Amino acid sequence: IEMKKIILIRHAKSDWDNPSLSDYDRPLAARGLEDAPKMAALLKNRAIKVDGILSSTAKRAKQTAEITAKVLGISDTHIQWDRSLYHASAAHLLAVIQAQSAQLQTIILVGHNPGLTELIVDLGVNLDNLPTAGQFAFTVLSDDWKDLSATNCSFDWWDSPKKPGTAG
């Protein structure tokens, strides 16, 4: 079986300086702009070949996805923008991942809490909170995304700006 890998990434730290901006339109803060490439570089060091990125269209998630793609040398054409990932529930995130083409081996999903943390918990890992710019990786014990479930995946590793390289 060729196993799949899903890497969940929470957008980097967002900027709250402009109170008139809607939540959806908030950009990355200076710290987020620093953390996103740093975290992408950690991912690059793992030498994982990423086939595609799914991302929320909210500005902070978009910026995180674009920075990640750039550092990993992934063309923007391999980013799938999906408005429905903005503040999506764990169930919706799972459905979106399960709907991906079996040709894609490794996918990154860039999204938001609480959905991402809830999905990680639903997939069998006890995590209080996926921090901003945090990355969480699972291996799917199948060659089809539709099989992704708590009984059919294993935790690989997770990284965050304050806690890089936490292996399972």
Foldseek 3Di string as FASTA:
>chain_A
DQKAKEKEAEFAAWDCPDVVDDPLATAHDPRSVVFLLVLLVLVVVVVDDFQAEEEANRRRGVVSVVSSCVSNVHDPVRYHYDNCQEPHALVVVLVVQQPDDLVGRYYYYYHHPPRVVVNVVQLPDDDPDQHHRKMWMKMFQDSHSNNRGNVGIGTAFMQGPVRGTGGD
